[in-house]
C-alpha cells in the first residue's frame, strides 16, 4: 500500500471493513430476510400461497430439499436476500 494511503484514518476504515465482513453471519442474513418477508404483506402472502401445497401434513411430514428447491418464488426470495 502506498505511503499516502497509510494514514490512521484510512487504516481504521480498512480495519472496520475487515471486521464487519467477518461478522455478518448466516443467522443475521436469515433474520434480515425474515424481517422483510414479515414486513411486506405481498411477499408474505405470495410465499404462503406457494408453500401451502408443499406443507400439507406438517408437522408430521416435512418437505424435502428437492421439493423446496422447486419453489421458484421461495428461491427468488432467498437469492435476493443473499444478494
Protein backbone atom coordinates (compact mmCIF):
# COMPACT_ATOMS: atom_id res chain seq x y z
CA UNK A 1 0.00 0.00 0.00
CA UNK A 2 1.47 3.38 -0.93
CA UNK A 3 2.58 5.55 1.98
CA UNK A 4 -0.02 8.17 1.02
CA UNK A 5 -2.77 5.64 1.86
CA UNK A 6 -1.35 4.62 5.23
CA UNK A 7 -2.94 7.35 7.34
CA UNK A 8 -4.51 6.39 10.66
CA UNK A 9 -7.96 7.24 9.30
CA UNK A 10 -7.54 5.08 6.19
CA UNK A 11 -6.18 2.13 8.15
CA UNK A 12 -9.00 2.41 10.70
CA UNK A 13 -11.56 2.31 7.86
CA UNK A 14 -9.88 -0.74 6.36
CA UNK A 15 -9.97 -2.46 9.77
CA UNK A 16 -13.72 -1.71 10.05
CA UNK A 17 -14.36 -3.24 6.63
CA UNK A 18 -12.44 -6.40 7.53
CA UNK A 19 -14.17 -6.68 10.89
CA UNK A 20 -17.68 -6.17 9.54
CA UNK A 21 -17.09 -8.55 6.64
CA UNK A 22 -16.24 -11.30 9.09
CA UNK A 23 -19.12 -10.65 11.47
CA UNK A 24 -22.01 -10.91 9.02
CA UNK A 25 -23.28 -14.39 9.64
CA UNK A 26 -25.81 -16.70 8.12
CA UNK A 27 -28.10 -16.07 11.08
CA UNK A 28 -28.00 -12.32 10.52
CA UNK A 29 -28.73 -12.76 6.81
CA UNK A 30 -31.66 -15.04 7.55
CA UNK A 31 -33.00 -12.59 10.15
CA UNK A 32 -32.93 -9.79 7.54
CA UNK A 33 -34.74 -12.00 5.02
CA UNK A 34 -37.33 -12.94 7.65
CA UNK A 35 -37.86 -9.31 8.61
CA UNK A 36 -38.55 -8.23 5.04
CA UNK A 37 -40.88 -11.18 4.44
CA UNK A 38 -42.89 -10.30 7.55
CA UNK A 39 -42.80 -6.56 6.88
CA UNK A 40 -44.02 -6.87 3.27
CA UNK A 41 -47.52 -8.37 3.08
CA UNK A 42 -47.35 -9.03 -0.67
CA UNK A 43 -44.16 -11.10 -0.30
CA UNK A 44 -45.52 -12.94 2.74
CA UNK A 45 -48.82 -13.79 1.02
CA UNK A 46 -47.13 -14.98 -2.16
CA UNK A 47 -44.77 -17.22 -0.16
CA UNK A 48 -47.68 -18.58 1.87
CA UNK A 49 -49.57 -19.42 -1.31
CA UNK A 50 -46.54 -21.13 -2.83
CA UNK A 51 -45.82 -23.11 0.35
CA UNK A 52 -49.44 -24.07 1.06
CA UNK A 53 -49.48 -27.28 -1.02
CA UNK A 54 -46.00 -28.48 -0.12
CA UNK A 55 -46.62 -28.04 3.63
CA UNK A 56 -49.70 -30.27 3.71
CA UNK A 57 -49.20 -32.74 6.54
CA UNK A 58 -46.80 -30.58 8.51
CA UNK A 59 -45.53 -31.15 11.24
CA UNK A 60 -45.84 -34.90 10.67
CA UNK A 61 -44.37 -34.62 7.16
CA UNK A 62 -41.58 -32.26 6.19
CA UNK A 63 -40.92 -31.22 2.59
CA UNK A 64 -37.67 -32.50 1.12
CA UNK A 65 -34.87 -30.20 -0.06
CA UNK A 66 -35.69 -31.19 -3.63
CA UNK A 67 -39.31 -30.11 -3.18
CA UNK A 68 -38.25 -26.79 -1.66
CA UNK A 69 -35.72 -26.18 -4.43
CA UNK A 70 -38.53 -26.44 -6.99
CA UNK A 71 -40.39 -23.48 -5.49
CA UNK A 72 -39.47 -20.58 -7.77
CA UNK A 73 -40.62 -17.71 -5.58
CA UNK A 74 -39.01 -19.13 -2.44
CA UNK A 75 -35.74 -19.49 -4.34
CA UNK A 76 -36.03 -15.92 -5.66
CA UNK A 77 -36.64 -14.51 -2.17
CA UNK A 78 -33.66 -16.37 -0.74
CA UNK A 79 -31.35 -15.38 -3.58
CA UNK A 80 -32.40 -11.74 -3.32
CA UNK A 81 -31.82 -11.83 0.43
CA UNK A 82 -28.35 -13.24 -0.08
CA UNK A 83 -27.53 -10.64 -2.72
